[in-house]
C-alpha atoms as a PDB file:
ATOM      1  CA  MET A   1     -10.659   2.388 -14.484  1.00  0.00           C
ATOM      2  CA  THR A   2     -12.902   1.683 -11.531  1.00  0.00           C
ATOM      3  CA  ASN A   3     -13.439   4.537  -9.115  1.00  0.00           C
ATOM      4  CA  TYR A   4     -13.941   3.185  -5.599  1.00  0.00           C
ATOM      5  CA  ILE A   5     -15.758   5.319  -3.033  1.00  0.00           C
ATOM      6  CA  THR A   6     -15.053   3.858   0.394  1.00  0.00           C
ATOM      7  CA  PRO A   7     -18.020   5.497   2.213  1.00  0.00           C
ATOM      8  CA  ASP A   8     -20.383   3.930  -0.346  1.00  0.00           C
ATOM      9  CA  LEU A   9     -18.626   0.557   0.017  1.00  0.00           C
ATOM     10  CA  CYS A  10     -18.942   0.777   3.818  1.00  0.00           C
ATOM     11  CA  ASP A  11     -22.674   1.505   3.486  1.00  0.00           C
ATOM     12  CA  GLU A  12     -23.228  -1.357   1.054  1.00  0.00           C
ATOM     13  CA  TYR A  13     -20.978  -3.857   2.851  1.00  0.00           C
ATOM     14  CA  PRO A  14     -21.081  -3.100   6.598  1.00  0.00           C
ATOM     15  CA  GLU A  15     -18.905  -6.146   7.305  1.00  0.00           C
ATOM     16  CA  VAL A  16     -15.764  -4.493   5.858  1.00  0.00           C
ATOM     17  CA  GLU A  17     -13.017  -3.421   8.217  1.00  0.00           C
ATOM     18  CA  VAL A  18     -11.708   0.146   8.193  1.00  0.00           C
ATOM     19  CA  LEU A  19      -8.058   0.949   8.821  1.00  0.00           C
ATOM     20  CA  GLU A  20      -7.448   3.599  11.474  1.00  0.00           C
ATOM     21  CA  PRO A  21      -7.122   7.006   9.783  1.00  0.00           C
ATOM     22  CA  MET A  22      -3.382   7.585   9.674  1.00  0.00           C
ATOM     23  CA  PHE A  23      -2.596   7.281   5.962  1.00  0.00           C
ATOM     24  CA  ASN A  24      -2.085   9.960   3.326  1.00  0.00           C
ATOM     25  CA  ASN A  25      -2.765   9.625  -0.386  1.00  0.00           C
ATOM     26  CA  PHE A  26       0.417  10.306  -2.380  1.00  0.00           C
ATOM     27  CA  GLY A  27      -0.265   8.613  -5.720  1.00  0.00           C
ATOM     28  CA  GLY A  28      -1.584   9.915  -9.004  1.00  0.00           C
ATOM     29  CA  LYS A  29      -4.692   7.732  -8.600  1.00  0.00           C
ATOM     30  CA  GLU A  30      -6.988   8.957  -5.858  1.00  0.00           C
ATOM     31  CA  SER A  31      -8.902   5.669  -5.757  1.00  0.00           C
ATOM     32  CA  PHE A  32      -7.633   2.109  -6.125  1.00  0.00           C
ATOM     33  CA  GLY A  33      -8.379  -1.411  -5.004  1.00  0.00           C
ATOM     34  CA  GLY A  34      -7.745  -5.078  -5.602  1.00  0.00           C
ATOM     35  CA  GLU A  35      -6.577  -8.358  -4.166  1.00  0.00           C
ATOM     36  CA  ILE A  36      -3.961  -8.082  -1.423  1.00  0.00           C
ATOM     37  CA  VAL A  37      -0.368  -9.254  -1.747  1.00  0.00           C
ATOM     38  CA  THR A  38       1.603  -8.660   1.464  1.00  0.00           C
ATOM     39  CA  ILE A  39       5.180  -7.843   2.315  1.00  0.00           C
ATOM     40  CA  LYS A  40       6.432  -7.575   5.881  1.00  0.00           C
ATOM     41  CA  CYS A  41       9.719  -5.717   6.180  1.00  0.00           C
ATOM     42  CA  HIS A  42      11.399  -3.289   8.533  1.00  0.00           C
ATOM     43  CA  GLU A  43      13.576  -0.522   7.115  1.00  0.00           C
ATOM     44  CA  ASP A  44      14.589  -2.768   4.193  1.00  0.00           C
ATOM     45  CA  ASN A  45      12.717  -2.521   0.908  1.00  0.00           C
ATOM     46  CA  SER A  46      14.516  -5.399  -0.866  1.00  0.00           C
ATOM     47  CA  LEU A  47      11.278  -7.390  -1.287  1.00  0.00           C
ATOM     48  CA  VAL A  48       9.351  -4.301  -2.400  1.00  0.00           C
ATOM     49  CA  LYS A  49      11.985  -3.655  -5.060  1.00  0.00           C
ATOM     50  CA  GLU A  50      11.828  -7.293  -6.187  1.00  0.00           C
ATOM     51  CA  GLN A  51       8.036  -7.430  -6.333  1.00  0.00           C
ATOM     52  CA  VAL A  52       7.193  -4.126  -8.062  1.00  0.00           C
ATOM     53  CA  GLY A  53       8.841  -5.459 -11.208  1.00  0.00           C
ATOM     54  CA  MET A  54       6.521  -8.490 -11.328  1.00  0.00           C
ATOM     55  CA  PRO A  55       3.182  -8.438 -13.176  1.00  0.00           C
ATOM     56  CA  GLY A  56       0.633  -7.221 -10.619  1.00  0.00           C
ATOM     57  CA  ASN A  57      -2.475  -8.507 -12.392  1.00  0.00           C
ATOM     58  CA  GLY A  58      -4.682  -5.966 -10.613  1.00  0.00           C
ATOM     59  CA  LYS A  59      -3.339  -6.691  -7.133  1.00  0.00           C
ATOM     60  CA  VAL A  60      -2.493  -4.181  -4.422  1.00  0.00           C
ATOM     61  CA  MET A  61       0.758  -4.504  -2.489  1.00  0.00           C
ATOM     62  CA  VAL A  62       0.294  -4.049   1.262  1.00  0.00           C
ATOM     63  CA  VAL A  63       3.654  -3.330   2.896  1.00  0.00           C
ATOM     64  CA  ASP A  64       3.999  -3.634   6.672  1.00  0.00           C
ATOM     65  CA  GLY A  65       7.071  -1.547   7.428  1.00  0.00           C
ATOM     66  CA  GLY A  66       6.363  -1.633  11.154  1.00  0.00           C
ATOM     67  CA  GLY A  67       5.284   1.998  11.044  1.00  0.00           C
ATOM     68  CA  SER A  68       8.910   3.137  10.876  1.00  0.00           C
ATOM     69  CA  LEU A  69       9.345   6.780   9.926  1.00  0.00           C
ATOM     70  CA  ARG A  70      13.167   6.570   9.685  1.00  0.00           C
ATOM     71  CA  ASN A  71      13.404   5.906   5.934  1.00  0.00           C
ATOM     72  CA  ALA A  72      11.355   5.381   2.777  1.00  0.00           C
ATOM     73  CA  LEU A  73      10.160   1.986   1.538  1.00  0.00           C
ATOM     74  CA  LEU A  74       9.152   3.357  -1.886  1.00  0.00           C
ATOM     75  CA  GLY A  75      10.705   5.919  -4.199  1.00  0.00           C
ATOM     76  CA  ASP A  76      10.040   7.149  -7.718  1.00  0.00           C
ATOM     77  CA  MET A  77      12.073   4.465  -9.500  1.00  0.00           C
ATOM     78  CA  LEU A  78      10.142   1.652  -7.825  1.00  0.00           C
ATOM     79  CA  ALA A  79       6.806   3.453  -8.187  1.00  0.00           C
ATOM     80  CA  GLU A  80       7.267   3.682 -11.952  1.00  0.00           C
ATOM     81  CA  LYS A  81       7.490  -0.130 -12.108  1.00  0.00           C
ATOM     82  CA  ALA A  82       4.510  -0.831  -9.853  1.00  0.00           C
ATOM     83  CA  ALA A  83       1.224  -1.701 -11.517  1.00  0.00           C
ATOM     84  CA  LYS A  84      -1.888  -0.900  -9.453  1.00  0.00           C
ATOM     85  CA  GLY A  85      -1.459   0.377  -5.941  1.00  0.00           C
ATOM     86  CA  LEU A  86       0.402   0.204  -2.672  1.00  0.00           C
ATOM     87  CA  VAL A  87      -0.561   0.707   0.962  1.00  0.00           C
ATOM     88  CA  ILE A  88       2.578   1.259   3.009  1.00  0.00           C
ATOM     89  CA  TYR A  89       2.716   1.233   6.801  1.00  0.00           C
ATOM     90  CA  GLY A  90       5.793   3.404   6.653  1.00  0.00           C
ATOM     91  CA  CYS A  91       7.220   6.215   4.530  1.00  0.00           C
ATOM     92  CA  ILE A  92       7.789   6.958   0.854  1.00  0.00           C
ATOM     93  CA  ARG A  93       9.958   9.521  -0.923  1.00  0.00           C
ATOM     94  CA  ASP A  94      10.034  11.302  -4.295  1.00  0.00           C
ATOM     95  CA  VAL A  95       6.404  12.292  -3.749  1.00  0.00           C
ATOM     96  CA  ASP A  96       6.295  14.933  -6.474  1.00  0.00           C
ATOM     97  CA  VAL A  97       7.159  12.309  -9.083  1.00  0.00           C
ATOM     98  CA  ILE A  98       4.885   9.648  -7.535  1.00  0.00           C
ATOM     99  CA  MET A  99       1.952  12.094  -7.667  1.00  0.00           C
ATOM    100  CA  GLU A 100       2.412  12.182 -11.448  1.00  0.00           C
ATOM    101  CA  THR A 101       2.208   8.378 -11.876  1.00  0.00           C
ATOM    102  CA  GLU A 102      -0.910   6.313 -12.621  1.00  0.00           C
ATOM    103  CA  LEU A 103      -0.461   4.572  -9.290  1.00  0.00           C
ATOM    104  CA  GLY A 104      -2.418   4.550  -6.060  1.00  0.00           C
ATOM    105  CA  VAL A 105      -0.140   5.052  -3.060  1.00  0.00           C
ATOM    106  CA  GLN A 106      -1.206   5.449   0.550  1.00  0.00           C
ATOM    107  CA  ALA A 107       1.503   5.767   3.211  1.00  0.00           C
ATOM    108  CA  LEU A 108       2.046   7.278   6.658  1.00  0.00           C
ATOM    109  CA  ALA A 109       4.430  10.063   5.684  1.00  0.00           C
ATOM    110  CA  THR A 110       7.447  11.018   3.606  1.00  0.00           C
ATOM    111  CA  ASN A 111      11.149  10.719   4.345  1.00  0.00           C
ATOM    112  CA  PRO A 112      13.971  11.474   1.892  1.00  0.00           C
ATOM    113  CA  ARG A 113      16.251   8.699   3.260  1.00  0.00           C
ATOM    114  CA  LYS A 114      16.297   5.359   1.397  1.00  0.00           C
ATOM    115  CA  THR A 115      16.501   1.991   3.106  1.00  0.00           C
ATOM    116  CA  GLU A 116      19.431  -0.370   3.248  1.00  0.00           C
ATOM    117  CA  LYS A 117      19.097  -3.478   1.091  1.00  0.00           C
ATOM    118  CA  LYS A 118      19.796  -6.493   3.293  1.00  0.00           C
ATOM    119  CA  GLY A 119      17.392  -8.923   1.631  1.00  0.00           C
ATOM    120  CA  LEU A 120      15.252  -9.144   4.765  1.00  0.00           C
ATOM    121  CA  GLY A 121      11.479  -9.492   4.875  1.00  0.00           C
ATOM    122  CA  GLU A 122       8.596 -11.904   4.385  1.00  0.00           C
ATOM    123  CA  MET A 123       6.227 -12.265   1.461  1.00  0.00           C
ATOM    124  CA  ASN A 124       2.521 -13.226   1.524  1.00  0.00           C
ATOM    125  CA  VAL A 125       2.163 -13.512   5.288  1.00  0.00           C
ATOM    126  CA  PRO A 126      -0.710 -12.073   7.348  1.00  0.00           C
ATOM    127  CA  VAL A 127       0.052  -8.504   8.466  1.00  0.00           C
ATOM    128  CA  LYS A 128      -1.707  -6.367  11.034  1.00  0.00           C
ATOM    129  CA  PHE A 129      -1.552  -2.611  11.411  1.00  0.00           C
ATOM    130  CA  ALA A 130      -3.970   0.297  11.839  1.00  0.00           C
ATOM    131  CA  GLY A 131      -6.240  -2.062  13.799  1.00  0.00           C
ATOM    132  CA  VAL A 132      -6.900  -4.490  10.921  1.00  0.00           C
ATOM    133  CA  GLN A 133      -5.416  -7.861   9.998  1.00  0.00           C
ATOM    134  CA  MET A 134      -4.838  -8.251   6.269  1.00  0.00           C
ATOM    135  CA  ASN A 135      -4.299 -11.637   4.688  1.00  0.00           C
ATOM    136  CA  PRO A 136      -3.041 -12.405   1.212  1.00  0.00           C
ATOM    137  CA  GLY A 137      -6.133 -12.961  -0.922  1.00  0.00           C
ATOM    138  CA  ASN A 138      -8.276 -10.421   0.982  1.00  0.00           C
ATOM    139  CA  PHE A 139      -9.308  -7.273  -0.884  1.00  0.00           C
ATOM    140  CA  ILE A 140      -8.371  -3.685  -0.118  1.00  0.00           C
ATOM    141  CA  TYR A 141      -9.917  -0.436  -1.372  1.00  0.00           C
ATOM    142  CA  ALA A 142      -8.565   3.068  -0.800  1.00  0.00           C
ATOM    143  CA  ASP A 143      -9.518   6.638  -1.627  1.00  0.00           C
ATOM    144  CA  ASN A 144      -9.188  10.059   0.007  1.00  0.00           C
ATOM    145  CA  ASN A 145     -11.754   9.007   2.648  1.00  0.00           C
ATOM    146  CA  GLY A 146      -9.794   6.047   3.953  1.00  0.00           C
ATOM    147  CA  ILE A 147      -8.840   2.415   3.451  1.00  0.00           C
ATOM    148  CA  ILE A 148     -11.087  -0.628   3.884  1.00  0.00           C
ATOM    149  CA  VAL A 149     -10.437  -4.376   3.810  1.00  0.00           C
ATOM    150  CA  SER A 150     -12.807  -7.159   2.886  1.00  0.00           C
ATOM    151  CA  GLU A 151     -12.531 -10.946   2.770  1.00  0.00           C
ATOM    152  CA  LYS A 152     -14.431 -10.938  -0.532  1.00  0.00           C
ATOM    153  CA  LYS A 153     -14.283  -8.826  -3.681  1.00  0.00           C
END
């Protein structure tokens, strides 16, 4: 398992972009990184549910939930299926269980309410939040210091 240290990565690669500090680390892995796969959804985690069951192959799912704090886009049942890591611009729930998984999870906050499943959302589209645009195929690295994005590995 690779342990990423974002301050060291920022020093070595000054061209990386740093997400604004608004995320909390909720996963069992304190450090994670990989190639970005994006989902854009708003208060509907249908695509998240569909994608966490797929082989991740070392990729990190970046979920743009529009920053909504009204419900959770990830819970324990989905987290147990996910492979590497998730960065969620929104909420999660079941944090005590998620903290016990071998998964990196950064999100804005927690909310016990689940989303409705309407089948809405977009997959592998550019997303922008926390001051940074993230494109599928970019790379993302996260630890307790923050989250950074790079065009190259």
